[in-house]
Amino acid sequence: MSKQITIGQLARRVGLRTSTLRYYEEQGLVTPAGRTAAGYRLYTPGAERTLRFIQRAQRLGFSLADIHTLLQSSRPETVISLAEERFLALERRLTKLLVLRHELELLLNEFREKEADGPAESLFDRLLDRVCASPPENPPADSLLEWLADRADCVLAGSDAQALLAPLRGRHFHAWQKGDAYHILVVGHDPAVESALRQLAQLEAHCQVHPTPQLRAHKEGTLLVARGENAFIFARLFLALEQEKGHQAG
């Protein structure tokens, strides 16, 4: 039989206070295996593994209610569903930052053009070189769509939609968030690009994952407006498409 340890010993091993362990016990996350003659809680080595799992799950942003479900559920699909929902929440936050970074890079480019007659080693030059030296790491567009196909029945992941993405790869665009909507401006007036965007919007009319995106004419190109909690998917997709410079149409 494995040696049992006291609540104080367990707390020291995992770097938590004993009051935290008692609170986790109240929440049904960890249970003592017994008590000493003096009434002190005793735990098996399995309690340490459970607590380290709780710590890791909290770092990943899971609530204690979610962690309770993860610990108690015997259904793999329940665990996977919770993990995927957390992943989506992180993707939404990450997309906001990537879109801001993308627009900051464009702003710095504008400053560089205005500073063209200034010192060769201006602050903007140095900052821009630093920003552009480490572009955001985006998953390839095809990988993102493959994940969407597994996650939900999204028409963006269908073969018809993937064929329409060809003229969009490597294209330059602006993206910004306003309320629950992402605005994606595909720069330029290429008929092939405009046609692909129209057809994508038509396909999306049948998608249950997010509302149908709207297309608007713009003096600089075509503006796509995607709304809803899953609108970030469009911004993430176009970020990935722009990075695929090697696929850019001639």
Protein backbone atom coordinates (compact mmCIF):
# COMPACT_ATOMS: atom_id res chain seq x y z
CA MET A 1 0.00 0.00 0.00
CA SER A 2 1.35 3.46 -0.94
CA LYS A 3 2.37 5.69 1.93
CA GLN A 4 -0.16 8.38 2.73
CA ILE A 5 0.88 11.97 3.41
CA THR A 6 -0.65 14.77 5.45
CA ILE A 7 -2.32 17.84 4.03
CA GLY A 8 0.71 19.94 4.98
CA GLN A 9 3.10 17.63 3.15
CA LEU A 10 0.87 17.55 0.08
CA ALA A 11 0.54 21.34 0.07
CA ARG A 12 4.33 21.76 0.13
CA ARG A 13 4.82 19.27 -2.70
CA VAL A 14 2.47 21.07 -5.08
CA GLY A 15 3.16 24.61 -3.87
CA LEU A 16 -0.34 25.37 -2.59
CA ARG A 17 -1.76 26.49 0.73
CA THR A 18 -3.61 24.01 2.90
CA SER A 19 -6.63 26.33 2.74
CA THR A 20 -6.63 25.90 -1.05
CA LEU A 21 -6.64 22.12 -0.69
CA ARG A 22 -9.58 22.33 1.70
CA TYR A 23 -11.41 24.56 -0.78
CA TYR A 24 -10.77 22.05 -3.58
CA GLU A 25 -12.20 19.38 -1.29
CA GLU A 26 -15.36 21.50 -0.85
CA GLN A 27 -15.62 21.75 -4.65
CA GLY A 28 -15.32 17.98 -5.04
CA LEU A 29 -11.98 18.16 -6.87
CA VAL A 30 -9.83 16.20 -4.45
CA THR A 31 -10.80 13.93 -1.57
CA PRO A 32 -8.72 12.80 1.44
CA ALA A 33 -8.16 9.10 1.74
CA GLY A 34 -8.62 9.27 5.50
CA ARG A 35 -7.52 11.06 8.67
CA THR A 36 -4.94 10.63 11.36
CA ALA A 37 -5.89 9.86 14.95
CA ALA A 38 -5.58 13.58 15.60
CA GLY A 39 -7.99 14.37 12.75
CA TYR A 40 -5.50 15.58 10.13
CA ARG A 41 -6.36 14.80 6.50
CA LEU A 42 -4.35 12.09 4.74
CA TYR A 43 -3.86 11.77 0.98
CA THR A 44 -2.57 9.10 -1.39
CA PRO A 45 0.03 9.86 -4.12
CA GLY A 46 -2.88 10.04 -6.57
CA ALA A 47 -4.00 13.30 -4.94
CA GLU A 48 -0.72 14.94 -5.94
CA ARG A 49 -1.27 13.91 -9.60
CA THR A 50 -4.81 15.30 -9.43
CA LEU A 51 -3.62 18.61 -8.02
CA ARG A 52 -0.92 18.97 -10.66
CA PHE A 53 -3.57 18.34 -13.31
CA ILE A 54 -5.76 21.04 -11.72
CA GLN A 55 -2.85 23.49 -11.78
CA ARG A 56 -2.13 22.77 -15.42
CA ALA A 57 -5.80 23.07 -16.40
CA GLN A 58 -6.06 26.41 -14.59
CA ARG A 59 -3.02 27.71 -16.48
CA LEU A 60 -4.85 26.80 -19.69
CA GLY A 61 -7.82 28.86 -18.57
CA PHE A 62 -10.27 26.16 -17.50
CA SER A 63 -12.69 27.12 -14.72
CA LEU A 64 -12.96 24.95 -11.61
CA ALA A 65 -16.41 23.83 -12.84
CA ASP A 66 -14.84 22.69 -16.11
CA ILE A 67 -12.02 20.96 -14.24
CA HIS A 68 -14.57 19.14 -12.09
CA THR A 69 -16.22 17.87 -15.27
CA LEU A 70 -12.85 16.85 -16.73
CA LEU A 71 -12.01 14.88 -13.57
CA GLN A 72 -15.39 13.23 -13.18
CA SER A 73 -16.40 12.50 -16.77
CA SER A 74 -15.83 9.03 -18.16
CA ARG A 75 -16.93 10.12 -21.65
CA PRO A 76 -14.02 11.10 -23.93
CA GLU A 77 -16.32 13.23 -26.09
CA THR A 78 -17.16 15.42 -23.08
CA VAL A 79 -13.50 16.04 -22.33
CA ILE A 80 -12.74 16.74 -25.99
CA SER A 81 -15.67 19.14 -26.27
CA LEU A 82 -14.51 21.16 -23.25
CA ALA A 83 -10.94 21.28 -24.54
CA GLU A 84 -12.10 22.40 -27.98
CA GLU A 85 -14.27 25.15 -26.52
CA ARG A 86 -11.27 26.41 -24.56
CA PHE A 87 -9.15 26.25 -27.71
CA LEU A 88 -11.72 28.31 -29.60
CA ALA A 89 -11.76 30.90 -26.82
CA LEU A 90 -7.98 31.21 -27.05
CA GLU A 91 -8.17 31.47 -30.85
CA ARG A 92 -10.64 34.35 -30.56
CA ARG A 93 -8.29 36.23 -28.23
CA LEU A 94 -5.23 35.41 -30.34
CA THR A 95 -6.95 36.55 -33.53
CA LYS A 96 -7.66 39.96 -31.98
CA LEU A 97 -3.97 40.37 -31.19
CA LEU A 98 -2.83 39.14 -34.61
CA VAL A 99 -5.19 41.55 -36.37
CA LEU A 100 -3.88 44.44 -34.25
CA ARG A 101 -0.30 43.40 -34.99
CA HIS A 102 -1.08 43.18 -38.69
CA GLU A 103 -2.50 46.70 -38.76
CA LEU A 104 0.39 48.07 -36.67
CA GLU A 105 2.82 46.72 -39.24
CA LEU A 106 0.89 48.55 -41.99
CA LEU A 107 0.91 51.75 -39.93
CA LEU A 108 4.66 51.50 -39.45
CA ASN A 109 5.07 51.05 -43.20
CA GLU A 110 3.15 54.27 -43.72
CA PHE A 111 5.43 56.04 -41.24
CA ARG A 112 8.47 54.63 -43.02
CA GLU A 113 7.26 56.10 -46.31
CA LYS A 114 6.79 59.49 -44.65
CA GLU A 115 10.25 59.23 -43.09
CA ALA A 116 11.90 58.31 -46.41
CA ASP A 117 13.80 61.60 -46.53
CA GLY A 118 14.85 61.39 -42.88
CA PRO A 119 17.78 59.61 -41.20
CA ALA A 120 18.46 56.12 -42.53
CA GLU A 121 18.35 54.65 -39.05
CA SER A 122 15.19 56.32 -37.75
CA LEU A 123 13.23 54.96 -34.80
CA PHE A 124 10.51 53.80 -37.19
CA ASP A 125 13.02 51.95 -39.36
CA ARG A 126 14.43 50.10 -36.38
CA LEU A 127 11.00 49.30 -34.97
CA LEU A 128 9.65 48.14 -38.33
CA ASP A 129 12.69 45.92 -38.93
CA ARG A 130 12.12 44.33 -35.53
CA VAL A 131 8.39 43.79 -36.14
CA CYS A 132 8.84 42.36 -39.63
CA ALA A 133 11.72 40.13 -38.58
CA SER A 134 9.33 37.85 -36.68
CA PRO A 135 6.04 37.51 -38.57
CA PRO A 136 3.12 36.00 -36.66
CA GLU A 137 3.01 32.25 -36.70
CA ASN A 138 -0.20 31.30 -38.46
CA PRO A 139 -1.21 27.77 -39.33
CA PRO A 140 -1.41 27.11 -43.08
CA ALA A 141 -4.87 27.89 -44.41
CA ASP A 142 -5.45 24.28 -45.44
CA SER A 143 -4.56 23.04 -41.93
CA LEU A 144 -6.96 25.53 -40.40
CA LEU A 145 -9.74 24.38 -42.70
CA GLU A 146 -9.00 20.74 -41.96
CA TRP A 147 -9.39 21.45 -38.25
CA LEU A 148 -12.68 23.27 -38.93
CA ALA A 149 -13.95 20.25 -40.82
CA ASP A 150 -13.33 18.11 -37.74
CA ARG A 151 -14.70 20.70 -35.31
CA ALA A 152 -17.95 21.61 -37.08
CA ASP A 153 -19.83 21.26 -40.31
CA CYS A 154 -18.43 24.53 -41.70
CA VAL A 155 -18.74 25.05 -45.45
CA LEU A 156 -15.38 26.83 -45.44
CA ALA A 157 -13.83 23.40 -44.98
CA GLY A 158 -15.61 21.89 -47.99
CA SER A 159 -13.92 21.13 -51.30
CA ASP A 160 -15.93 23.83 -53.08
CA ALA A 161 -14.71 26.52 -50.70
CA GLN A 162 -11.12 25.32 -50.82
CA ALA A 163 -11.11 25.61 -54.62
CA LEU A 164 -12.28 29.22 -54.31
CA LEU A 165 -9.41 30.12 -51.99
CA ALA A 166 -6.75 29.77 -54.71
CA PRO A 167 -6.96 33.39 -56.02
CA LEU A 168 -6.99 34.69 -52.41
CA ARG A 169 -3.69 33.13 -51.34
CA GLY A 170 -0.97 35.70 -50.80
CA ARG A 171 -3.30 38.66 -51.33
CA HIS A 172 -2.83 41.81 -49.29
CA PHE A 173 -5.64 42.82 -46.96
CA HIS A 174 -6.55 44.99 -43.98
CA ALA A 175 -8.48 43.57 -41.02
CA TRP A 176 -10.04 45.23 -38.02
CA GLN A 177 -12.63 44.40 -35.38
CA LYS A 178 -15.69 46.49 -34.62
CA GLY A 179 -18.12 45.13 -32.02
CA ASP A 180 -18.83 41.49 -32.82
CA ALA A 181 -17.78 41.89 -36.46
CA TYR A 182 -14.48 41.47 -38.28
CA HIS A 183 -13.98 43.69 -41.32
CA ILE A 184 -11.63 42.24 -43.92
CA LEU A 185 -10.67 44.49 -46.83
CA VAL A 186 -9.07 42.55 -49.68
CA VAL A 187 -7.02 45.20 -51.44
CA GLY A 188 -7.23 45.47 -55.22
CA HIS A 189 -9.85 45.10 -57.92
CA ASP A 190 -8.91 41.74 -59.43
CA PRO A 191 -12.08 40.26 -61.03
CA ALA A 192 -10.98 36.72 -60.08
CA VAL A 193 -10.65 37.73 -56.41
CA GLU A 194 -13.98 39.56 -56.39
CA SER A 195 -15.69 36.56 -57.99
CA ALA A 196 -14.13 34.16 -55.45
CA LEU A 197 -15.33 36.32 -52.56
CA ARG A 198 -18.86 36.47 -53.95
CA GLN A 199 -18.98 32.71 -54.36
CA LEU A 200 -17.62 32.17 -50.84
CA ALA A 201 -20.34 34.43 -49.46
CA GLN A 202 -22.97 32.42 -51.36
CA LEU A 203 -21.61 29.16 -49.94
CA GLU A 204 -21.66 30.62 -46.43
CA ALA A 205 -25.40 31.29 -46.74
CA HIS A 206 -25.86 27.59 -45.90
CA CYS A 207 -23.36 27.46 -43.01
CA GLN A 208 -24.63 26.83 -39.49
CA VAL A 209 -21.36 27.80 -37.79
CA HIS A 210 -21.60 31.54 -38.35
CA PRO A 211 -23.93 34.07 -40.04
CA THR A 212 -23.54 34.77 -43.75
CA PRO A 213 -20.76 37.34 -44.31
CA GLN A 214 -21.61 40.54 -46.13
CA LEU A 215 -19.70 41.88 -49.13
CA ARG A 216 -19.41 45.57 -49.83
CA ALA A 217 -17.74 47.49 -52.63
CA HIS A 218 -14.85 49.65 -51.43
CA LYS A 219 -12.66 52.16 -53.23
CA GLU A 220 -9.60 50.08 -52.35
CA GLY A 221 -11.05 46.64 -53.08
CA THR A 222 -13.72 44.38 -51.63
CA LEU A 223 -14.83 44.50 -48.00
CA LEU A 224 -16.01 41.34 -46.28
CA VAL A 225 -17.85 41.75 -42.97
CA ALA A 226 -18.26 38.65 -40.78
CA ARG A 227 -20.33 38.78 -37.58
CA GLY A 228 -20.94 36.57 -34.56
CA GLU A 229 -18.82 34.73 -32.03
CA ASN A 230 -17.17 32.66 -34.77
CA ALA A 231 -16.38 35.63 -37.03
CA PHE A 232 -12.76 35.31 -35.90
CA ILE A 233 -12.53 32.25 -38.17
CA PHE A 234 -12.58 34.52 -41.22
CA ALA A 235 -9.88 36.84 -39.85
CA ARG A 236 -7.71 33.86 -38.89
CA LEU A 237 -8.21 32.31 -42.32
CA PHE A 238 -7.25 35.46 -44.20
CA LEU A 239 -4.20 35.93 -41.98
CA ALA A 240 -3.11 32.44 -42.99
CA LEU A 241 -3.91 33.04 -46.66
CA GLU A 242 -1.87 36.24 -46.80
CA GLN A 243 1.17 34.43 -45.42
CA GLU A 244 1.08 31.96 -48.31
CA LYS A 245 3.02 34.21 -50.67
CA GLY A 246 4.21 31.30 -52.75
CA HIS A 247 0.64 30.61 -53.90
CA GLN A 248 -0.09 34.18 -54.99
CA ALA A 249 -1.69 34.37 -58.40
CA GLY A 250 0.30 36.14 -61.07
